[in-house]
Amino acid sequence: MLHDDVAEVTQYNSVTHPADKSETAVSTRMGLGLCRDRLLHIGGMLRTEVEDGTWMLYARVPLTHQT
């Protein structure tokens, strides 16, 4: 969702567990913690939660530079 000065991102996924651990992705060191830190630095936010088998990500990304 776009606003004049911020973009809001909401993503929902079902929580699944790979039957075979070889299907697990390799870390790229670009995880959610790093993304959250970068967004906080520019005045945004990111949060995640799991509820009833559904994983949710919500982020607010400023579209203008805050000083």
C-alpha atoms as a PDB file:
ATOM      1  CA  MET A   1       0.000   0.000   0.000  1.00  0.00           C
ATOM      2  CA  LEU A   2       1.422   3.382  -0.976  1.00  0.00           C
ATOM      3  CA  HIS A   3       0.887   6.650   0.846  1.00  0.00           C
ATOM      4  CA  ASP A   4       2.445  10.058   0.093  1.00  0.00           C
ATOM      5  CA  ASP A   5       5.440   9.470   2.357  1.00  0.00           C
ATOM      6  CA  VAL A   6       5.462   5.764   3.248  1.00  0.00           C
ATOM      7  CA  ALA A   7       4.961   2.335   1.714  1.00  0.00           C
ATOM      8  CA  GLU A   8       3.370  -0.395   3.816  1.00  0.00           C
ATOM      9  CA  VAL A   9       4.146  -4.030   3.040  1.00  0.00           C
ATOM     10  CA  THR A  10       2.189  -6.945   4.520  1.00  0.00           C
ATOM     11  CA  GLN A  11       2.983 -10.534   3.567  1.00  0.00           C
ATOM     12  CA  TYR A  12       1.307 -13.716   4.797  1.00  0.00           C
ATOM     13  CA  ASN A  13       2.601 -17.266   4.306  1.00  0.00           C
ATOM     14  CA  SER A  14       1.601 -20.587   5.766  1.00  0.00           C
ATOM     15  CA  VAL A  15       4.171 -22.079   8.113  1.00  0.00           C
ATOM     16  CA  THR A  16       5.636 -25.269   6.688  1.00  0.00           C
ATOM     17  CA  HIS A  17       8.552 -27.397   7.747  1.00  0.00           C
ATOM     18  CA  PRO A  18      10.673 -29.026   5.043  1.00  0.00           C
ATOM     19  CA  ALA A  19      10.529 -32.804   5.288  1.00  0.00           C
ATOM     20  CA  ASP A  20      14.145 -32.952   4.157  1.00  0.00           C
ATOM     21  CA  LYS A  21      16.602 -30.569   5.838  1.00  0.00           C
ATOM     22  CA  SER A  22      18.526 -30.316   2.527  1.00  0.00           C
ATOM     23  CA  GLU A  23      15.649 -28.115   1.309  1.00  0.00           C
ATOM     24  CA  THR A  24      16.551 -25.426   3.858  1.00  0.00           C
ATOM     25  CA  ALA A  25      17.933 -22.243   2.271  1.00  0.00           C
ATOM     26  CA  VAL A  26      21.520 -21.175   2.890  1.00  0.00           C
ATOM     27  CA  SER A  27      21.933 -17.934   4.837  1.00  0.00           C
ATOM     28  CA  THR A  28      22.926 -14.890   2.807  1.00  0.00           C
ATOM     29  CA  ARG A  29      23.416 -12.677   5.904  1.00  0.00           C
ATOM     30  CA  MET A  30      20.620 -10.484   4.571  1.00  0.00           C
ATOM     31  CA  GLY A  31      18.047 -11.728   7.076  1.00  0.00           C
ATOM     32  CA  LEU A  32      15.123 -10.023   8.674  1.00  0.00           C
ATOM     33  CA  GLY A  33      17.234  -8.640  11.528  1.00  0.00           C
ATOM     34  CA  LEU A  34      19.440  -6.738   9.095  1.00  0.00           C
ATOM     35  CA  CYS A  35      16.420  -5.499   7.151  1.00  0.00           C
ATOM     36  CA  ARG A  36      14.771  -4.363  10.391  1.00  0.00           C
ATOM     37  CA  ASP A  37      17.931  -2.512  11.464  1.00  0.00           C
ATOM     38  CA  ARG A  38      18.153  -0.739   8.108  1.00  0.00           C
ATOM     39  CA  LEU A  39      14.496   0.285   8.230  1.00  0.00           C
ATOM     40  CA  LEU A  40      14.812   1.556  11.816  1.00  0.00           C
ATOM     41  CA  HIS A  41      17.836   3.606  10.756  1.00  0.00           C
ATOM     42  CA  ILE A  42      15.763   5.475   8.155  1.00  0.00           C
ATOM     43  CA  GLY A  43      12.676   5.855  10.352  1.00  0.00           C
ATOM     44  CA  GLY A  44      10.760   2.764   9.257  1.00  0.00           C
ATOM     45  CA  MET A  45       9.818  -0.442  11.012  1.00  0.00           C
ATOM     46  CA  LEU A  46       9.513  -4.184  10.455  1.00  0.00           C
ATOM     47  CA  ARG A  47       7.835  -6.853  12.543  1.00  0.00           C
ATOM     48  CA  THR A  48       7.006 -10.520  12.117  1.00  0.00           C
ATOM     49  CA  GLU A  49       4.719 -12.898  13.963  1.00  0.00           C
ATOM     50  CA  VAL A  50       3.342 -16.414  13.701  1.00  0.00           C
ATOM     51  CA  GLU A  51      -0.246 -17.189  14.605  1.00  0.00           C
ATOM     52  CA  ASP A  52      -2.350 -20.296  13.917  1.00  0.00           C
ATOM     53  CA  GLY A  53       0.086 -21.653  11.323  1.00  0.00           C
ATOM     54  CA  THR A  54       0.413 -18.354   9.436  1.00  0.00           C
ATOM     55  CA  TRP A  55       3.617 -16.295   9.326  1.00  0.00           C
ATOM     56  CA  MET A  56       3.135 -12.544   8.853  1.00  0.00           C
ATOM     57  CA  LEU A  57       5.595  -9.776   7.974  1.00  0.00           C
ATOM     58  CA  TYR A  58       4.642  -6.103   8.246  1.00  0.00           C
ATOM     59  CA  ALA A  59       6.974  -3.272   7.213  1.00  0.00           C
ATOM     60  CA  ARG A  60       6.708   0.496   6.880  1.00  0.00           C
ATOM     61  CA  VAL A  61       9.241   2.000   4.483  1.00  0.00           C
ATOM     62  CA  PRO A  62       9.660   5.807   4.437  1.00  0.00           C
ATOM     63  CA  LEU A  63       9.666   7.233   0.923  1.00  0.00           C
ATOM     64  CA  THR A  64      11.219  10.530   2.029  1.00  0.00           C
ATOM     65  CA  HIS A  65      14.489  11.084   3.872  1.00  0.00           C
ATOM     66  CA  GLN A  66      14.053  11.964   7.541  1.00  0.00           C
ATOM     67  CA  THR A  67      16.702  14.098   9.251  1.00  0.00           C
END
